[in-house]
Amino acid sequence: MTTATTQYFRTPDGIRLAYLDLGGTGRPVLALHGAYGRGRSLLGLAGHLGPGFRLIALDQRGHGLSDHPGDHGREAYIDDAAALVAHLGLGPVAVVGHSLGGITAYQLAARRPEFATAVVVVDFPAEYRAPLGDDQLLALPTHFPSMRAMLDALAFVDEPRHFTESAVEEPEGWRFLWRAEEVQAAKVAVRGDWWDDFTAVEQPLMVVRGERSAVVPRRHAEEMVRRRPGTEVVTIDGHHDFYLTHQAELGATVRGFFDRTAPAAV
């Protein structure tokens, strides 16, 4: 398992955000996790991308070890991602984002194109209208007496590891680093029609969808290609959190795409 030490920086508006940077001389890749996730959950991709890439994983606001500011809107998430790239002085980077991180990835490329060279969107559509479905997460207690109790409480989710990556033990018991009401606010902010952003992306763009996930139905994926010619779509036979269950397949897919779309050397 790849390891990295958490580092911190402050955005121009004073928000303290955490990130992990595996370092090296490879092509930098900014990894953006999904709702209820954290940057560390994406580090497993690094081994499948290989030494030609330098993975940098952000704890997006309200997640992981980052601050919990009151603003959970789209511009805030986009600005945070841009601020990290600027902080590291990397110039434009390749971006891969899962779910909540997926919309941040393509909106960053569309609205702040100077920060992105290529984008992989992992299981997020260009229009999202689905019910939030967070009632059971909102009802969870603040602390759990044991990890076993926490896992039992998550029996209703497809992939508990997506959530338990953010579990920490305290004297009062186990808790999550995220606050469900804040994550729900972030999810409310992604509901809507984002076709203008999606079709505005001029960089190479790939959408990787889960065959057993309802988030990007096949017909919607076809519409993404129709409205934005050149969009590549790959289907992996997994549920929404296939970035964990099909990590090697996703890593190989992302690596191949970034290899094909690497900027020409100057």
C-alpha atoms as a PDB file:
ATOM      1  CA  MET A   1       0.000   0.000   0.000  1.00  0.00           C
ATOM      2  CA  THR A   2       1.379   3.391  -0.961  1.00  0.00           C
ATOM      3  CA  THR A   3       1.919   5.698   2.010  1.00  0.00           C
ATOM      4  CA  ALA A   4       2.195   9.452   2.227  1.00  0.00           C
ATOM      5  CA  THR A   5       2.235  12.102   4.941  1.00  0.00           C
ATOM      6  CA  THR A   6      -0.574  14.625   5.174  1.00  0.00           C
ATOM      7  CA  GLN A   7       0.432  18.191   4.349  1.00  0.00           C
ATOM      8  CA  TYR A   8      -1.561  21.409   4.654  1.00  0.00           C
ATOM      9  CA  PHE A   9      -1.945  24.712   2.856  1.00  0.00           C
ATOM     10  CA  ARG A  10      -4.292  27.694   3.064  1.00  0.00           C
ATOM     11  CA  THR A  11      -6.465  28.907   0.232  1.00  0.00           C
ATOM     12  CA  PRO A  12      -6.546  32.625  -0.629  1.00  0.00           C
ATOM     13  CA  ASP A  13      -9.653  32.974   1.566  1.00  0.00           C
ATOM     14  CA  GLY A  14      -7.936  31.362   4.550  1.00  0.00           C
ATOM     15  CA  ILE A  15      -9.384  27.836   4.444  1.00  0.00           C
ATOM     16  CA  ARG A  16      -6.921  25.177   5.680  1.00  0.00           C
ATOM     17  CA  LEU A  17      -6.958  22.134   3.414  1.00  0.00           C
ATOM     18  CA  ALA A  18      -5.125  18.838   3.730  1.00  0.00           C
ATOM     19  CA  TYR A  19      -3.539  16.910   0.891  1.00  0.00           C
ATOM     20  CA  LEU A  20      -1.189  14.019   0.180  1.00  0.00           C
ATOM     21  CA  ASP A  21       1.590  14.286  -2.389  1.00  0.00           C
ATOM     22  CA  LEU A  22       3.444  11.119  -3.365  1.00  0.00           C
ATOM     23  CA  GLY A  23       6.169  13.207  -4.991  1.00  0.00           C
ATOM     24  CA  GLY A  24       8.524  12.138  -7.729  1.00  0.00           C
ATOM     25  CA  THR A  25       9.247  13.457 -11.186  1.00  0.00           C
ATOM     26  CA  GLY A  26       6.278  11.899 -12.977  1.00  0.00           C
ATOM     27  CA  ARG A  27       3.378  13.720 -14.598  1.00  0.00           C
ATOM     28  CA  PRO A  28       1.318  15.265 -11.782  1.00  0.00           C
ATOM     29  CA  VAL A  29      -2.219  13.952 -11.332  1.00  0.00           C
ATOM     30  CA  LEU A  30      -4.680  15.709  -9.029  1.00  0.00           C
ATOM     31  CA  ALA A  31      -7.061  13.156  -7.470  1.00  0.00           C
ATOM     32  CA  LEU A  32     -10.408  14.341  -6.093  1.00  0.00           C
ATOM     33  CA  HIS A  33     -12.460  11.981  -3.928  1.00  0.00           C
ATOM     34  CA  GLY A  34     -16.230  11.601  -3.736  1.00  0.00           C
ATOM     35  CA  ALA A  35     -18.731  12.677  -1.083  1.00  0.00           C
ATOM     36  CA  TYR A  36     -17.981  11.092   2.313  1.00  0.00           C
ATOM     37  CA  GLY A  37     -14.508  10.136   1.065  1.00  0.00           C
ATOM     38  CA  ARG A  38     -11.047  11.588   1.562  1.00  0.00           C
ATOM     39  CA  GLY A  39      -7.862  11.940  -0.440  1.00  0.00           C
ATOM     40  CA  ARG A  40      -6.171   8.951   1.179  1.00  0.00           C
ATOM     41  CA  SER A  41      -8.814   6.610  -0.243  1.00  0.00           C
ATOM     42  CA  LEU A  42      -7.460   7.307  -3.760  1.00  0.00           C
ATOM     43  CA  LEU A  43      -3.803   6.556  -3.028  1.00  0.00           C
ATOM     44  CA  GLY A  44      -4.256   2.964  -4.161  1.00  0.00           C
ATOM     45  CA  LEU A  45      -4.491   4.232  -7.735  1.00  0.00           C
ATOM     46  CA  ALA A  46      -0.843   5.276  -7.614  1.00  0.00           C
ATOM     47  CA  GLY A  47       0.459   1.724  -7.846  1.00  0.00           C
ATOM     48  CA  HIS A  48      -1.585   1.116 -10.978  1.00  0.00           C
ATOM     49  CA  LEU A  49      -0.661   4.430 -12.599  1.00  0.00           C
ATOM     50  CA  GLY A  50       3.001   3.592 -12.168  1.00  0.00           C
ATOM     51  CA  PRO A  51       6.158   5.666 -11.644  1.00  0.00           C
ATOM     52  CA  GLY A  52       5.418   7.885 -14.638  1.00  0.00           C
ATOM     53  CA  PHE A  53       2.858   9.766 -12.539  1.00  0.00           C
ATOM     54  CA  ARG A  54       2.904  11.811  -9.336  1.00  0.00           C
ATOM     55  CA  LEU A  55      -0.383  11.459  -7.484  1.00  0.00           C
ATOM     56  CA  ILE A  56      -1.625  14.369  -5.379  1.00  0.00           C
ATOM     57  CA  ALA A  57      -4.819  13.714  -3.422  1.00  0.00           C
ATOM     58  CA  LEU A  58      -6.800  16.579  -1.894  1.00  0.00           C
ATOM     59  CA  ASP A  59      -9.085  16.296   1.126  1.00  0.00           C
ATOM     60  CA  GLN A  60     -11.863  18.465  -0.254  1.00  0.00           C
ATOM     61  CA  ARG A  61     -13.449  20.947   2.150  1.00  0.00           C
ATOM     62  CA  GLY A  62     -15.587  19.308   4.828  1.00  0.00           C
ATOM     63  CA  HIS A  63     -13.783  15.988   4.325  1.00  0.00           C
ATOM     64  CA  GLY A  64     -10.772  14.224   5.767  1.00  0.00           C
ATOM     65  CA  LEU A  65      -8.462  16.532   7.713  1.00  0.00           C
ATOM     66  CA  SER A  66      -9.512  19.709   5.895  1.00  0.00           C
ATOM     67  CA  ASP A  67     -11.467  22.589   7.420  1.00  0.00           C
ATOM     68  CA  HIS A  68     -15.251  22.638   7.646  1.00  0.00           C
ATOM     69  CA  PRO A  69     -16.205  26.056   6.233  1.00  0.00           C
ATOM     70  CA  GLY A  70     -19.807  27.062   5.731  1.00  0.00           C
ATOM     71  CA  ASP A  71     -19.641  27.343   1.942  1.00  0.00           C
ATOM     72  CA  HIS A  72     -20.283  24.043   0.163  1.00  0.00           C
ATOM     73  CA  GLY A  73     -21.078  25.516  -3.251  1.00  0.00           C
ATOM     74  CA  ARG A  74     -19.549  24.569  -6.569  1.00  0.00           C
ATOM     75  CA  GLU A  75     -17.288  27.605  -6.924  1.00  0.00           C
ATOM     76  CA  ALA A  76     -15.742  26.912  -3.525  1.00  0.00           C
ATOM     77  CA  TYR A  77     -14.772  23.349  -4.485  1.00  0.00           C
ATOM     78  CA  ILE A  78     -13.407  24.473  -7.843  1.00  0.00           C
ATOM     79  CA  ASP A  79     -11.401  27.285  -6.276  1.00  0.00           C
ATOM     80  CA  ASP A  80      -9.954  24.890  -3.684  1.00  0.00           C
ATOM     81  CA  ALA A  81      -8.680  22.524  -6.374  1.00  0.00           C
ATOM     82  CA  ALA A  82      -7.169  25.405  -8.342  1.00  0.00           C
ATOM     83  CA  ALA A  83      -5.582  26.783  -5.163  1.00  0.00           C
ATOM     84  CA  LEU A  84      -3.784  23.491  -4.468  1.00  0.00           C
ATOM     85  CA  VAL A  85      -2.337  23.326  -7.987  1.00  0.00           C
ATOM     86  CA  ALA A  86      -1.208  26.949  -7.666  1.00  0.00           C
ATOM     87  CA  HIS A  87       0.241  26.295  -4.203  1.00  0.00           C
ATOM     88  CA  LEU A  88       2.370  23.451  -5.559  1.00  0.00           C
ATOM     89  CA  GLY A  89       3.493  25.550  -8.539  1.00  0.00           C
ATOM     90  CA  LEU A  90       2.856  22.700 -10.950  1.00  0.00           C
ATOM     91  CA  GLY A  91       1.175  24.459 -13.825  1.00  0.00           C
ATOM     92  CA  PRO A  92      -1.710  22.549 -15.424  1.00  0.00           C
ATOM     93  CA  VAL A  93      -2.159  18.948 -14.234  1.00  0.00           C
ATOM     94  CA  ALA A  94      -4.117  15.880 -15.233  1.00  0.00           C
ATOM     95  CA  VAL A  95      -7.209  15.496 -13.037  1.00  0.00           C
ATOM     96  CA  VAL A  96      -9.159  12.414 -11.972  1.00  0.00           C
ATOM     97  CA  GLY A  97     -12.259  12.777  -9.814  1.00  0.00           C
ATOM     98  CA  HIS A  98     -14.762  10.325  -8.396  1.00  0.00           C
ATOM     99  CA  SER A  99     -18.406  11.372  -8.014  1.00  0.00           C
ATOM    100  CA  LEU A 100     -18.338  14.738  -6.170  1.00  0.00           C
ATOM    101  CA  GLY A 101     -14.709  14.954  -7.270  1.00  0.00           C
ATOM    102  CA  GLY A 102     -15.779  14.151 -10.835  1.00  0.00           C
ATOM    103  CA  ILE A 103     -17.958  17.227 -11.213  1.00  0.00           C
ATOM    104  CA  THR A 104     -15.237  19.327  -9.584  1.00  0.00           C
ATOM    105  CA  ALA A 105     -12.772  17.910 -12.122  1.00  0.00           C
ATOM    106  CA  TYR A 106     -14.721  18.830 -15.250  1.00  0.00           C
ATOM    107  CA  GLN A 107     -15.853  22.165 -13.857  1.00  0.00           C
ATOM    108  CA  LEU A 108     -12.238  23.013 -13.009  1.00  0.00           C
ATOM    109  CA  ALA A 109     -11.261  22.196 -16.604  1.00  0.00           C
ATOM    110  CA  ALA A 110     -14.143  24.246 -18.005  1.00  0.00           C
ATOM    111  CA  ARG A 111     -13.983  27.293 -15.740  1.00  0.00           C
ATOM    112  CA  ARG A 112     -10.265  27.356 -14.901  1.00  0.00           C
ATOM    113  CA  PRO A 113      -8.716  25.702 -17.968  1.00  0.00           C
ATOM    114  CA  GLU A 114      -5.231  26.923 -17.111  1.00  0.00           C
ATOM    115  CA  PHE A 115      -5.119  24.325 -14.322  1.00  0.00           C
ATOM    116  CA  ALA A 116      -6.021  21.139 -16.237  1.00  0.00           C
ATOM    117  CA  THR A 117      -4.480  19.240 -19.151  1.00  0.00           C
ATOM    118  CA  ALA A 118      -6.825  16.221 -19.214  1.00  0.00           C
ATOM    119  CA  VAL A 119      -9.774  14.998 -17.160  1.00  0.00           C
ATOM    120  CA  VAL A 120     -11.120  11.616 -16.065  1.00  0.00           C
ATOM    121  CA  VAL A 121     -14.599  11.749 -14.540  1.00  0.00           C
ATOM    122  CA  VAL A 122     -15.353   8.638 -12.499  1.00  0.00           C
ATOM    123  CA  ASP A 123     -19.093   7.978 -12.347  1.00  0.00           C
ATOM    124  CA  PHE A 124     -20.655  11.415 -12.420  1.00  0.00           C
ATOM    125  CA  PRO A 125     -23.068  12.762 -15.076  1.00  0.00           C
ATOM    126  CA  ALA A 126     -23.502  16.105 -16.804  1.00  0.00           C
ATOM    127  CA  GLU A 127     -26.961  16.441 -15.245  1.00  0.00           C
ATOM    128  CA  TYR A 128     -27.766  15.126 -11.783  1.00  0.00           C
ATOM    129  CA  ARG A 129     -31.336  15.010 -10.502  1.00  0.00           C
ATOM    130  CA  ALA A 130     -31.362  11.885  -8.321  1.00  0.00           C
ATOM    131  CA  PRO A 131     -32.692  11.964  -4.746  1.00  0.00           C
ATOM    132  CA  LEU A 132     -29.899  12.529  -2.243  1.00  0.00           C
ATOM    133  CA  GLY A 133     -30.676   9.337  -0.308  1.00  0.00           C
ATOM    134  CA  ASP A 134     -28.678  10.405   2.761  1.00  0.00           C
ATOM    135  CA  ASP A 135     -31.337   9.917   5.439  1.00  0.00           C
ATOM    136  CA  GLN A 136     -29.647   6.869   6.965  1.00  0.00           C
ATOM    137  CA  LEU A 137     -26.257   8.599   7.052  1.00  0.00           C
ATOM    138  CA  LEU A 138     -27.775  11.672   8.674  1.00  0.00           C
ATOM    139  CA  ALA A 139     -29.331   9.446  11.330  1.00  0.00           C
ATOM    140  CA  LEU A 140     -26.048   7.801  12.363  1.00  0.00           C
ATOM    141  CA  PRO A 141     -24.799   8.539  15.882  1.00  0.00           C
ATOM    142  CA  THR A 142     -21.844  10.834  16.473  1.00  0.00           C
ATOM    143  CA  HIS A 143     -19.683   8.051  17.933  1.00  0.00           C
ATOM    144  CA  PHE A 144     -19.624   4.264  17.844  1.00  0.00           C
ATOM    145  CA  PRO A 145     -18.334   2.033  20.652  1.00  0.00           C
ATOM    146  CA  SER A 146     -16.267  -0.080  18.229  1.00  0.00           C
ATOM    147  CA  MET A 147     -15.296  -0.427  14.584  1.00  0.00           C
ATOM    148  CA  ARG A 148     -17.575  -3.466  14.450  1.00  0.00           C
ATOM    149  CA  ALA A 149     -20.514  -1.309  15.521  1.00  0.00           C
ATOM    150  CA  MET A 150     -19.612   1.247  12.880  1.00  0.00           C
ATOM    151  CA  LEU A 151     -19.499  -1.419  10.171  1.00  0.00           C
ATOM    152  CA  ASP A 152     -22.830  -2.851  11.330  1.00  0.00           C
ATOM    153  CA  ALA A 153     -24.361   0.623  11.038  1.00  0.00           C
ATOM    154  CA  LEU A 154     -23.092   0.852   7.445  1.00  0.00           C
ATOM    155  CA  ALA A 155     -24.689  -2.425   6.369  1.00  0.00           C
ATOM    156  CA  PHE A 156     -26.977  -0.542   3.963  1.00  0.00           C
ATOM    157  CA  VAL A 157     -24.122   0.828   1.750  1.00  0.00           C
ATOM    158  CA  ASP A 158     -22.522  -0.954  -1.225  1.00  0.00           C
ATOM    159  CA  GLU A 159     -18.919  -0.402  -0.169  1.00  0.00           C
ATOM    160  CA  PRO A 160     -18.274   0.393   3.542  1.00  0.00           C
ATOM    161  CA  ARG A 161     -14.572   1.065   2.857  1.00  0.00           C
ATOM    162  CA  HIS A 162     -15.522   4.301   1.115  1.00  0.00           C
ATOM    163  CA  PHE A 163     -16.845   5.530   4.464  1.00  0.00           C
ATOM    164  CA  THR A 164     -14.534   3.833   6.955  1.00  0.00           C
ATOM    165  CA  GLU A 165     -11.457   5.406   5.344  1.00  0.00           C
ATOM    166  CA  SER A 166     -12.635   8.505   7.230  1.00  0.00           C
ATOM    167  CA  ALA A 167     -13.041   6.703  10.570  1.00  0.00           C
ATOM    168  CA  VAL A 168     -10.935   7.791  13.546  1.00  0.00           C
ATOM    169  CA  GLU A 169     -10.821   6.538  17.127  1.00  0.00           C
ATOM    170  CA  GLU A 170     -11.228   8.942  20.043  1.00  0.00           C
ATOM    171  CA  PRO A 171     -11.710   8.422  23.790  1.00  0.00           C
ATOM    172  CA  GLU A 172     -15.480   8.556  23.203  1.00  0.00           C
ATOM    173  CA  GLY A 173     -15.309   5.880  20.524  1.00  0.00           C
ATOM    174  CA  TRP A 174     -15.095   5.803  16.727  1.00  0.00           C
ATOM    175  CA  ARG A 175     -16.357   8.677  14.582  1.00  0.00           C
ATOM    176  CA  PHE A 176     -16.243   9.869  10.985  1.00  0.00           C
ATOM    177  CA  LEU A 177     -14.155  12.872   9.958  1.00  0.00           C
ATOM    178  CA  TRP A 178     -17.035  14.182   7.855  1.00  0.00           C
ATOM    179  CA  ARG A 179     -20.259  15.681   9.136  1.00  0.00           C
ATOM    180  CA  ALA A 180     -23.206  14.230   7.284  1.00  0.00           C
ATOM    181  CA  GLU A 181     -25.176  17.493   7.187  1.00  0.00           C
ATOM    182  CA  GLU A 182     -22.237  19.272   5.521  1.00  0.00           C
ATOM    183  CA  VAL A 183     -21.744  16.538   2.949  1.00  0.00           C
ATOM    184  CA  GLN A 184     -25.443  16.618   2.197  1.00  0.00           C
ATOM    185  CA  ALA A 185     -25.142  20.379   1.578  1.00  0.00           C
ATOM    186  CA  ALA A 186     -22.341  19.663  -0.890  1.00  0.00           C
ATOM    187  CA  LYS A 187     -24.517  17.060  -2.599  1.00  0.00           C
ATOM    188  CA  VAL A 188     -27.434  19.488  -2.800  1.00  0.00           C
ATOM    189  CA  ALA A 189     -25.090  21.879  -4.594  1.00  0.00           C
ATOM    190  CA  VAL A 190     -24.223  19.325  -7.306  1.00  0.00           C
ATOM    191  CA  ARG A 191     -27.842  18.634  -8.207  1.00  0.00           C
ATOM    192  CA  GLY A 192     -28.735  20.383 -11.445  1.00  0.00           C
ATOM    193  CA  ASP A 193     -27.942  20.783 -15.123  1.00  0.00           C
ATOM    194  CA  TRP A 194     -24.189  21.085 -15.750  1.00  0.00           C
ATOM    195  CA  TRP A 195     -24.161  20.503 -19.511  1.00  0.00           C
ATOM    196  CA  ASP A 196     -22.695  23.950 -20.169  1.00  0.00           C
ATOM    197  CA  ASP A 197     -19.646  23.092 -18.061  1.00  0.00           C
ATOM    198  CA  PHE A 198     -19.304  19.586 -19.444  1.00  0.00           C
ATOM    199  CA  THR A 199     -19.484  20.634 -23.087  1.00  0.00           C
ATOM    200  CA  ALA A 200     -17.135  23.586 -22.467  1.00  0.00           C
ATOM    201  CA  VAL A 201     -14.228  21.296 -21.543  1.00  0.00           C
ATOM    202  CA  GLU A 202     -11.645  21.611 -24.317  1.00  0.00           C
ATOM    203  CA  GLN A 203      -9.087  19.269 -22.765  1.00  0.00           C
ATOM    204  CA  PRO A 204      -9.168  15.510 -23.441  1.00  0.00           C
ATOM    205  CA  LEU A 205     -12.023  14.057 -21.401  1.00  0.00           C
ATOM    206  CA  MET A 206     -12.923  10.520 -20.369  1.00  0.00           C
ATOM    207  CA  VAL A 207     -15.957   9.333 -18.401  1.00  0.00           C
ATOM    208  CA  VAL A 208     -15.634   6.013 -16.573  1.00  0.00           C
ATOM    209  CA  ARG A 209     -19.015   4.687 -15.460  1.00  0.00           C
ATOM    210  CA  GLY A 210     -20.075   1.753 -13.325  1.00  0.00           C
ATOM    211  CA  GLU A 211     -22.251  -0.803 -15.086  1.00  0.00           C
ATOM    212  CA  ARG A 212     -24.079  -1.518 -11.811  1.00  0.00           C
ATOM    213  CA  SER A 213     -24.254   2.123 -10.761  1.00  0.00           C
ATOM    214  CA  ALA A 214     -27.341   4.243 -11.427  1.00  0.00           C
ATOM    215  CA  VAL A 215     -25.394   7.519 -11.418  1.00  0.00           C
ATOM    216  CA  VAL A 216     -24.428   7.556 -15.115  1.00  0.00           C
ATOM    217  CA  PRO A 217     -26.958   5.455 -17.045  1.00  0.00           C
ATOM    218  CA  ARG A 218     -25.865   4.138 -20.415  1.00  0.00           C
ATOM    219  CA  ARG A 219     -28.190   6.483 -22.303  1.00  0.00           C
ATOM    220  CA  HIS A 220     -26.812   9.470 -20.419  1.00  0.00           C
ATOM    221  CA  ALA A 221     -23.271   8.403 -21.290  1.00  0.00           C
ATOM    222  CA  GLU A 222     -24.284   8.219 -24.948  1.00  0.00           C
ATOM    223  CA  GLU A 223     -25.746  11.719 -24.667  1.00  0.00           C
ATOM    224  CA  MET A 224     -22.469  12.956 -23.171  1.00  0.00           C
ATOM    225  CA  VAL A 225     -20.657  11.729 -26.263  1.00  0.00           C
ATOM    226  CA  ARG A 226     -23.302  13.164 -28.598  1.00  0.00           C
ATOM    227  CA  ARG A 227     -23.221  16.618 -27.022  1.00  0.00           C
ATOM    228  CA  ARG A 228     -19.456  16.674 -26.604  1.00  0.00           C
ATOM    229  CA  PRO A 229     -17.844  14.786 -29.488  1.00  0.00           C
ATOM    230  CA  GLY A 230     -14.505  13.289 -28.567  1.00  0.00           C
ATOM    231  CA  THR A 231     -15.597  12.272 -25.080  1.00  0.00           C
ATOM    232  CA  GLU A 232     -14.336   8.778 -24.313  1.00  0.00           C
ATOM    233  CA  VAL A 233     -16.610   6.514 -22.260  1.00  0.00           C
ATOM    234  CA  VAL A 234     -15.445   3.363 -20.522  1.00  0.00           C
ATOM    235  CA  THR A 235     -17.722   1.059 -18.541  1.00  0.00           C
ATOM    236  CA  ILE A 236     -16.431  -0.974 -15.603  1.00  0.00           C
ATOM    237  CA  ASP A 237     -18.610  -3.728 -14.144  1.00  0.00           C
ATOM    238  CA  GLY A 238     -18.995  -2.328 -10.649  1.00  0.00           C
ATOM    239  CA  HIS A 239     -21.209  -0.207  -8.412  1.00  0.00           C
ATOM    240  CA  HIS A 240     -20.643   3.489  -7.738  1.00  0.00           C
ATOM    241  CA  ASP A 241     -17.537   2.948  -5.613  1.00  0.00           C
ATOM    242  CA  PHE A 242     -15.760   0.744  -8.152  1.00  0.00           C
ATOM    243  CA  TYR A 243     -12.653   2.874  -7.634  1.00  0.00           C
ATOM    244  CA  LEU A 244     -12.139   0.530  -4.651  1.00  0.00           C
ATOM    245  CA  THR A 245     -13.536  -2.770  -5.899  1.00  0.00           C
ATOM    246  CA  HIS A 246     -12.012  -2.528  -9.406  1.00  0.00           C
ATOM    247  CA  GLN A 247      -8.967  -0.435  -8.584  1.00  0.00           C
ATOM    248  CA  ALA A 248      -6.529  -2.156 -10.952  1.00  0.00           C
ATOM    249  CA  GLU A 249      -8.914  -1.905 -13.908  1.00  0.00           C
ATOM    250  CA  LEU A 250      -9.625   1.744 -13.216  1.00  0.00           C
ATOM    251  CA  GLY A 251      -5.936   2.503 -12.745  1.00  0.00           C
ATOM    252  CA  ALA A 252      -5.013   0.884 -16.048  1.00  0.00           C
ATOM    253  CA  THR A 253      -7.827   2.766 -17.801  1.00  0.00           C
ATOM    254  CA  VAL A 254      -6.751   6.110 -16.358  1.00  0.00           C
ATOM    255  CA  ARG A 255      -3.077   5.474 -17.086  1.00  0.00           C
ATOM    256  CA  GLY A 256      -3.784   4.572 -20.704  1.00  0.00           C
ATOM    257  CA  PHE A 257      -5.887   7.686 -21.208  1.00  0.00           C
ATOM    258  CA  PHE A 258      -3.334  10.011 -19.633  1.00  0.00           C
ATOM    259  CA  ASP A 259      -0.547   8.383 -21.649  1.00  0.00           C
ATOM    260  CA  ARG A 260      -2.460   8.943 -24.890  1.00  0.00           C
ATOM    261  CA  THR A 261      -3.271  12.546 -24.027  1.00  0.00           C
ATOM    262  CA  ALA A 262       0.064  13.654 -22.577  1.00  0.00           C
ATOM    263  CA  PRO A 263       0.995  17.181 -23.698  1.00  0.00           C
ATOM    264  CA  ALA A 264       3.755  17.250 -26.286  1.00  0.00           C
ATOM    265  CA  ALA A 265       7.190  17.911 -24.825  1.00  0.00           C
ATOM    266  CA  VAL A 266       8.665  21.334 -25.548  1.00  0.00           C
END
